[in-house]
């Protein structure tokens, strides 16, 4: 499966289930974790009415740059 986390040129909007499906299966977080990160504004998202969508490329970029552990 060619996920957007491996190929960052595929811009598409998905819901939380689609975001989990795009995640590499070896370390995918749970649905409740993704919703908590959204609620805490840790993940970039787009809200239309009561629906929340994620740009897979924006999430991958955000995680690649913001969730790094600093070197000692």
PDB file of N, CA and C in Angstrom:
ATOM      1  N   UNK A   1       0.842  -1.182   0.000  1.00  0.00           N
ATOM      2  CA  UNK A   1       0.000   0.000   0.000  1.00  0.00           C
ATOM      3  C   UNK A   1       0.883   1.238   0.000  1.00  0.00           C
ATOM      4  N   UNK A   2       0.613   2.147  -0.883  1.00  0.00           N
ATOM      5  CA  UNK A   2       1.392   3.367  -1.003  1.00  0.00           C
ATOM      6  C   UNK A   2       0.698   4.463  -0.205  1.00  0.00           C
ATOM      7  N   UNK A   3       1.110   4.664   1.030  1.00  0.00           N
ATOM      8  CA  UNK A   3       0.451   5.654   1.876  1.00  0.00           C
ATOM      9  C   UNK A   3       1.076   7.022   1.652  1.00  0.00           C
ATOM     10  N   UNK A   4       0.341   8.049   2.033  1.00  0.00           N
ATOM     11  CA  UNK A   4       0.830   9.414   1.877  1.00  0.00           C
ATOM     12  C   UNK A   4       1.959   9.708   2.851  1.00  0.00           C
ATOM     13  N   UNK A   5       2.108   8.925   3.908  1.00  0.00           N
ATOM     14  CA  UNK A   5       3.229   9.115   4.813  1.00  0.00           C
ATOM     15  C   UNK A   5       4.530   8.720   4.122  1.00  0.00           C
ATOM     16  N   UNK A   6       4.448   7.807   3.159  1.00  0.00           N
ATOM     17  CA  UNK A   6       5.630   7.410   2.407  1.00  0.00           C
ATOM     18  C   UNK A   6       5.805   8.246   1.143  1.00  0.00           C
ATOM     19  N   UNK A   7       4.708   8.769   0.587  1.00  0.00           N
ATOM     20  CA  UNK A   7       4.737   9.568  -0.628  1.00  0.00           C
ATOM     21  C   UNK A   7       4.044  10.909  -0.344  1.00  0.00           C
ATOM     22  N   UNK A   8       4.797  11.943   0.079  1.00  0.00           N
ATOM     23  CA  UNK A   8       4.165  13.179   0.538  1.00  0.00           C
ATOM     24  C   UNK A   8       3.649  14.098  -0.564  1.00  0.00           C
ATOM     25  N   UNK A   9       3.392  13.605  -1.756  1.00  0.00           N
ATOM     26  CA  UNK A   9       2.863  14.462  -2.810  1.00  0.00           C
ATOM     27  C   UNK A   9       1.371  14.246  -3.037  1.00  0.00           C
ATOM     28  N   UNK A  10       0.769  13.302  -2.328  1.00  0.00           N
ATOM     29  CA  UNK A  10      -0.646  13.000  -2.512  1.00  0.00           C
ATOM     30  C   UNK A  10      -1.483  13.789  -1.508  1.00  0.00           C
ATOM     31  N   UNK A  11      -1.989  14.953  -1.911  1.00  0.00           N
ATOM     32  CA  UNK A  11      -2.852  15.736  -1.035  1.00  0.00           C
ATOM     33  C   UNK A  11      -4.273  15.204  -1.151  1.00  0.00           C
ATOM     34  N   UNK A  12      -4.827  14.782  -0.022  1.00  0.00           N
ATOM     35  CA  UNK A  12      -6.221  14.369  -0.006  1.00  0.00           C
ATOM     36  C   UNK A  12      -6.744  14.546   1.413  1.00  0.00           C
ATOM     37  N   UNK A  13      -8.029  14.791   1.511  1.00  0.00           N
ATOM     38  CA  UNK A  13      -8.669  14.962   2.800  1.00  0.00           C
ATOM     39  C   UNK A  13      -9.343  13.655   3.197  1.00  0.00           C
ATOM     40  N   UNK A  14      -9.119  13.251   4.440  1.00  0.00           N
ATOM     41  CA  UNK A  14      -9.704  12.017   4.955  1.00  0.00           C
ATOM     42  C   UNK A  14     -10.253  12.279   6.347  1.00  0.00           C
ATOM     43  N   UNK A  15     -11.129  11.382   6.809  1.00  0.00           N
ATOM     44  CA  UNK A  15     -11.616  11.477   8.189  1.00  0.00           C
ATOM     45  C   UNK A  15     -10.644  10.720   9.093  1.00  0.00           C
ATOM     46  N   UNK A  16     -10.992  10.554  10.357  1.00  0.00           N
ATOM     47  CA  UNK A  16     -10.083   9.932  11.308  1.00  0.00           C
ATOM     48  C   UNK A  16      -9.818   8.470  10.955  1.00  0.00           C
ATOM     49  N   UNK A  17     -10.803   7.770  10.406  1.00  0.00           N
ATOM     50  CA  UNK A  17     -10.600   6.375  10.017  1.00  0.00           C
ATOM     51  C   UNK A  17      -9.681   6.280   8.801  1.00  0.00           C
ATOM     52  N   UNK A  18      -9.812   7.224   7.873  1.00  0.00           N
ATOM     53  CA  UNK A  18      -8.921   7.260   6.723  1.00  0.00           C
ATOM     54  C   UNK A  18      -7.503   7.619   7.107  1.00  0.00           C
ATOM     55  N   UNK A  19      -7.370   8.502   8.111  1.00  0.00           N
ATOM     56  CA  UNK A  19      -6.035   8.868   8.584  1.00  0.00           C
ATOM     57  C   UNK A  19      -5.350   7.669   9.227  1.00  0.00           C
ATOM     58  N   UNK A  20      -6.095   6.910  10.012  1.00  0.00           N
ATOM     59  CA  UNK A  20      -5.520   5.708  10.625  1.00  0.00           C
ATOM     60  C   UNK A  20      -5.142   4.691   9.554  1.00  0.00           C
ATOM     61  N   UNK A  21      -5.928   4.586   8.486  1.00  0.00           N
ATOM     62  CA  UNK A  21      -5.616   3.651   7.403  1.00  0.00           C
ATOM     63  C   UNK A  21      -4.362   4.069   6.646  1.00  0.00           C
ATOM     64  N   UNK A  22      -4.089   5.364   6.563  1.00  0.00           N
ATOM     65  CA  UNK A  22      -2.902   5.847   5.860  1.00  0.00           C
ATOM     66  C   UNK A  22      -1.638   5.690   6.692  1.00  0.00           C
ATOM     67  N   UNK A  23      -1.785   5.518   7.983  1.00  0.00           N
ATOM     68  CA  UNK A  23      -0.644   5.409   8.882  1.00  0.00           C
ATOM     69  C   UNK A  23       0.074   4.092   8.640  1.00  0.00           C
ATOM     70  N   UNK A  24       1.400   4.050   8.772  1.00  0.00           N
ATOM     71  CA  UNK A  24       2.088   2.755   8.694  1.00  0.00           C
ATOM     72  C   UNK A  24       1.576   1.815   9.786  1.00  0.00           C
ATOM     73  N   UNK A  25       1.295   0.579   9.440  1.00  0.00           N
ATOM     74  CA  UNK A  25       0.616  -0.334  10.359  1.00  0.00           C
ATOM     75  C   UNK A  25       1.467  -0.745  11.548  1.00  0.00           C
ATOM     76  N   UNK A  26       2.766  -0.574  11.482  1.00  0.00           N
ATOM     77  CA  UNK A  26       3.614  -1.017  12.587  1.00  0.00           C
ATOM     78  C   UNK A  26       3.487  -0.132  13.817  1.00  0.00           C
ATOM     79  N   UNK A  27       3.152   1.138  13.641  1.00  0.00           N
ATOM     80  CA  UNK A  27       3.078   2.037  14.791  1.00  0.00           C
ATOM     81  C   UNK A  27       1.873   2.976  14.702  1.00  0.00           C
ATOM     82  N   UNK A  28       0.766   2.484  14.229  1.00  0.00           N
ATOM     83  CA  UNK A  28      -0.429   3.320  14.083  1.00  0.00           C
ATOM     84  C   UNK A  28      -1.073   3.584  15.442  1.00  0.00           C
ATOM     85  N   UNK A  29      -1.388   4.844  15.740  1.00  0.00           N
ATOM     86  CA  UNK A  29      -2.103   5.132  16.990  1.00  0.00           C
ATOM     87  C   UNK A  29      -3.570   4.752  16.851  1.00  0.00           C
ATOM     88  N   UNK A  30      -4.244   4.660  17.969  1.00  0.00           N
ATOM     89  CA  UNK A  30      -5.656   4.318  17.958  1.00  0.00           C
ATOM     90  C   UNK A  30      -6.522   5.501  17.567  1.00  0.00           C
ATOM     91  N   UNK A  31      -7.781   5.218  17.283  1.00  0.00           N
ATOM     92  CA  UNK A  31      -8.740   6.258  16.916  1.00  0.00           C
ATOM     93  C   UNK A  31      -8.907   7.258  18.057  1.00  0.00           C
ATOM     94  N   UNK A  32      -8.993   6.763  19.288  1.00  0.00           N
ATOM     95  CA  UNK A  32      -9.171   7.667  20.428  1.00  0.00           C
ATOM     96  C   UNK A  32      -7.953   8.573  20.616  1.00  0.00           C
ATOM     97  N   UNK A  33      -6.756   8.065  20.315  1.00  0.00           N
ATOM     98  CA  UNK A  33      -5.550   8.881  20.409  1.00  0.00           C
ATOM     99  C   UNK A  33      -5.569   9.978  19.362  1.00  0.00           C
ATOM    100  N   UNK A  34      -5.954   9.652  18.127  1.00  0.00           N
ATOM    101  CA  UNK A  34      -6.031  10.662  17.077  1.00  0.00           C
ATOM    102  C   UNK A  34      -7.069  11.726  17.408  1.00  0.00           C
ATOM    103  N   UNK A  35      -8.201  11.324  17.961  1.00  0.00           N
ATOM    104  CA  UNK A  35      -9.229  12.295  18.348  1.00  0.00           C
ATOM    105  C   UNK A  35      -8.751  13.179  19.498  1.00  0.00           C
ATOM    106  N   UNK A  36      -8.015  12.598  20.442  1.00  0.00           N
ATOM    107  CA  UNK A  36      -7.478  13.392  21.552  1.00  0.00           C
ATOM    108  C   UNK A  36      -6.450  14.393  21.042  1.00  0.00           C
ATOM    109  N   UNK A  37      -5.568  13.958  20.135  1.00  0.00           N
ATOM    110  CA  UNK A  37      -4.580  14.874  19.564  1.00  0.00           C
ATOM    111  C   UNK A  37      -5.272  16.003  18.802  1.00  0.00           C
ATOM    112  N   UNK A  38      -6.374  15.703  18.138  1.00  0.00           N
ATOM    113  CA  UNK A  38      -7.128  16.740  17.429  1.00  0.00           C
ATOM    114  C   UNK A  38      -7.733  17.713  18.429  1.00  0.00           C
ATOM    115  N   UNK A  39      -8.325  17.201  19.477  1.00  0.00           N
ATOM    116  CA  UNK A  39      -8.944  18.039  20.499  1.00  0.00           C
ATOM    117  C   UNK A  39      -7.900  18.933  21.184  1.00  0.00           C
ATOM    118  N   UNK A  40      -6.695  18.415  21.377  1.00  0.00           N
ATOM    119  CA  UNK A  40      -5.616  19.172  21.995  1.00  0.00           C
ATOM    120  C   UNK A  40      -4.860  20.029  20.981  1.00  0.00           C
ATOM    121  N   UNK A  41      -5.312  20.033  19.737  1.00  0.00           N
ATOM    122  CA  UNK A  41      -4.731  20.794  18.630  1.00  0.00           C
ATOM    123  C   UNK A  41      -3.277  20.409  18.345  1.00  0.00           C
ATOM    124  N   UNK A  42      -2.996  19.140  18.472  1.00  0.00           N
ATOM    125  CA  UNK A  42      -1.671  18.618  18.142  1.00  0.00           C
ATOM    126  C   UNK A  42      -1.561  18.203  16.683  1.00  0.00           C
ATOM    127  N   UNK A  43      -2.695  17.987  16.024  1.00  0.00           N
ATOM    128  CA  UNK A  43      -2.715  17.600  14.615  1.00  0.00           C
ATOM    129  C   UNK A  43      -3.397  18.681  13.803  1.00  0.00           C
ATOM    130  N   UNK A  44      -2.840  19.035  12.638  1.00  0.00           N
ATOM    131  CA  UNK A  44      -3.537  19.986  11.771  1.00  0.00           C
ATOM    132  C   UNK A  44      -4.790  19.334  11.186  1.00  0.00           C
ATOM    133  N   UNK A  45      -5.898  20.063  11.221  1.00  0.00           N
ATOM    134  CA  UNK A  45      -7.160  19.519  10.734  1.00  0.00           C
ATOM    135  C   UNK A  45      -8.019  20.646  10.167  1.00  0.00           C
ATOM    136  N   UNK A  46      -9.037  20.251   9.439  1.00  0.00           N
ATOM    137  CA  UNK A  46      -9.999  21.177   8.839  1.00  0.00           C
ATOM    138  C   UNK A  46     -11.363  20.779   9.359  1.00  0.00           C
ATOM    139  N   UNK A  47     -12.102  21.744   9.898  1.00  0.00           N
ATOM    140  CA  UNK A  47     -13.426  21.444  10.430  1.00  0.00           C
ATOM    141  C   UNK A  47     -14.467  22.109   9.546  1.00  0.00           C
ATOM    142  N   UNK A  48     -15.376  21.309   9.033  1.00  0.00           N
ATOM    143  CA  UNK A  48     -16.499  21.801   8.238  1.00  0.00           C
ATOM    144  C   UNK A  48     -17.774  21.369   8.938  1.00  0.00           C
ATOM    145  N   UNK A  49     -18.426  22.325   9.580  1.00  0.00           N
ATOM    146  CA  UNK A  49     -19.608  21.984  10.354  1.00  0.00           C
ATOM    147  C   UNK A  49     -19.208  21.114  11.521  1.00  0.00           C
ATOM    148  N   UNK A  50     -19.794  19.941  11.611  1.00  0.00           N
ATOM    149  CA  UNK A  50     -19.413  19.028  12.688  1.00  0.00           C
ATOM    150  C   UNK A  50     -18.443  17.949  12.227  1.00  0.00           C
ATOM    151  N   UNK A  51     -18.019  18.025  10.985  1.00  0.00           N
ATOM    152  CA  UNK A  51     -17.107  17.032  10.425  1.00  0.00           C
ATOM    153  C   UNK A  51     -15.673  17.544  10.499  1.00  0.00           C
ATOM    154  N   UNK A  52     -14.753  16.633  10.790  1.00  0.00           N
ATOM    155  CA  UNK A  52     -13.337  16.973  10.869  1.00  0.00           C
ATOM    156  C   UNK A  52     -12.595  16.163   9.814  1.00  0.00           C
ATOM    157  N   UNK A  53     -11.790  16.857   9.014  1.00  0.00           N
ATOM    158  CA  UNK A  53     -10.999  16.226   7.968  1.00  0.00           C
ATOM    159  C   UNK A  53      -9.532  16.542   8.180  1.00  0.00           C
ATOM    160  N   UNK A  54      -8.687  15.644   7.703  1.00  0.00           N
ATOM    161  CA  UNK A  54      -7.248  15.796   7.829  1.00  0.00           C
ATOM    162  C   UNK A  54      -6.627  15.761   6.444  1.00  0.00           C
ATOM    163  N   UNK A  55      -5.700  16.678   6.202  1.00  0.00           N
ATOM    164  CA  UNK A  55      -4.872  16.610   5.000  1.00  0.00           C
ATOM    165  C   UNK A  55      -3.706  15.699   5.353  1.00  0.00           C
ATOM    166  N   UNK A  56      -3.622  14.561   4.715  1.00  0.00           N
ATOM    167  CA  UNK A  56      -2.649  13.533   5.082  1.00  0.00           C
ATOM    168  C   UNK A  56      -1.227  14.055   4.946  1.00  0.00           C
ATOM    169  N   UNK A  57      -0.957  14.843   3.925  1.00  0.00           N
ATOM    170  CA  UNK A  57       0.381  15.378   3.722  1.00  0.00           C
ATOM    171  C   UNK A  57       0.730  16.373   4.826  1.00  0.00           C
ATOM    172  N   UNK A  58      -0.223  17.221   5.216  1.00  0.00           N
ATOM    173  CA  UNK A  58       0.025  18.195   6.282  1.00  0.00           C
ATOM    174  C   UNK A  58       0.283  17.502   7.612  1.00  0.00           C
ATOM    175  N   UNK A  59      -0.447  16.433   7.888  1.00  0.00           N
ATOM    176  CA  UNK A  59      -0.235  15.676   9.123  1.00  0.00           C
ATOM    177  C   UNK A  59       1.137  15.015   9.105  1.00  0.00           C
ATOM    178  N   UNK A  60       1.518  14.438   7.984  1.00  0.00           N
ATOM    179  CA  UNK A  60       2.830  13.791   7.879  1.00  0.00           C
ATOM    180  C   UNK A  60       3.953  14.806   8.067  1.00  0.00           C
ATOM    181  N   UNK A  61       3.827  15.978   7.439  1.00  0.00           N
ATOM    182  CA  UNK A  61       4.831  17.033   7.602  1.00  0.00           C
ATOM    183  C   UNK A  61       4.898  17.503   9.042  1.00  0.00           C
ATOM    184  N   UNK A  62       3.745  17.694   9.655  1.00  0.00           N
ATOM    185  CA  UNK A  62       3.691  18.155  11.035  1.00  0.00           C
ATOM    186  C   UNK A  62       4.371  17.153  11.968  1.00  0.00           C
ATOM    187  N   UNK A  63       4.059  15.897  11.809  1.00  0.00           N
ATOM    188  CA  UNK A  63       4.660  14.881  12.666  1.00  0.00           C
ATOM    189  C   UNK A  63       6.153  14.742  12.413  1.00  0.00           C
ATOM    190  N   UNK A  64       6.559  14.927  11.184  1.00  0.00           N
ATOM    191  CA  UNK A  64       7.969  14.807  10.844  1.00  0.00           C
ATOM    192  C   UNK A  64       8.791  15.926  11.481  1.00  0.00           C
ATOM    193  N   UNK A  65       8.208  17.125  11.604  1.00  0.00           N
ATOM    194  CA  UNK A  65       8.975  18.273  12.086  1.00  0.00           C
ATOM    195  C   UNK A  65       8.704  18.620  13.548  1.00  0.00           C
ATOM    196  N   UNK A  66       7.486  18.430  14.027  1.00  0.00           N
ATOM    197  CA  UNK A  66       7.137  18.876  15.369  1.00  0.00           C
ATOM    198  C   UNK A  66       7.274  17.798  16.435  1.00  0.00           C
ATOM    199  N   UNK A  67       7.194  16.548  16.089  1.00  0.00           N
ATOM    200  CA  UNK A  67       7.178  15.478  17.080  1.00  0.00           C
ATOM    201  C   UNK A  67       8.550  14.798  17.221  1.00  0.00           C
ATOM    202  N   UNK A  68       9.588  15.544  16.929  1.00  0.00           N
ATOM    203  CA  UNK A  68      10.923  14.979  17.048  1.00  0.00           C
ATOM    204  C   UNK A  68      11.418  15.090  18.483  1.00  0.00           C
ATOM    205  N   UNK A  69      12.180  14.109  18.922  1.00  0.00           N
ATOM    206  CA  UNK A  69      12.797  14.161  20.237  1.00  0.00           C
ATOM    207  C   UNK A  69      14.133  14.873  20.094  1.00  0.00           C
ATOM    208  N   UNK A  70      14.332  15.962  20.837  1.00  0.00           N
ATOM    209  CA  UNK A  70      15.603  16.705  20.679  1.00  0.00           C
ATOM    210  C   UNK A  70      16.812  15.886  21.151  1.00  0.00           C
ATOM    211  N   UNK A  71      17.920  16.115  20.508  1.00  0.00           N
ATOM    212  CA  UNK A  71      19.159  15.434  20.882  1.00  0.00           C
ATOM    213  C   UNK A  71      19.673  15.985  22.216  1.00  0.00           C
ATOM    214  N   UNK A  72      20.394  15.152  22.928  1.00  0.00           N
ATOM    215  CA  UNK A  72      20.942  15.603  24.226  1.00  0.00           C
ATOM    216  C   UNK A  72      22.268  16.270  24.058  1.00  0.00           C
TER     217      UNK A  72
END
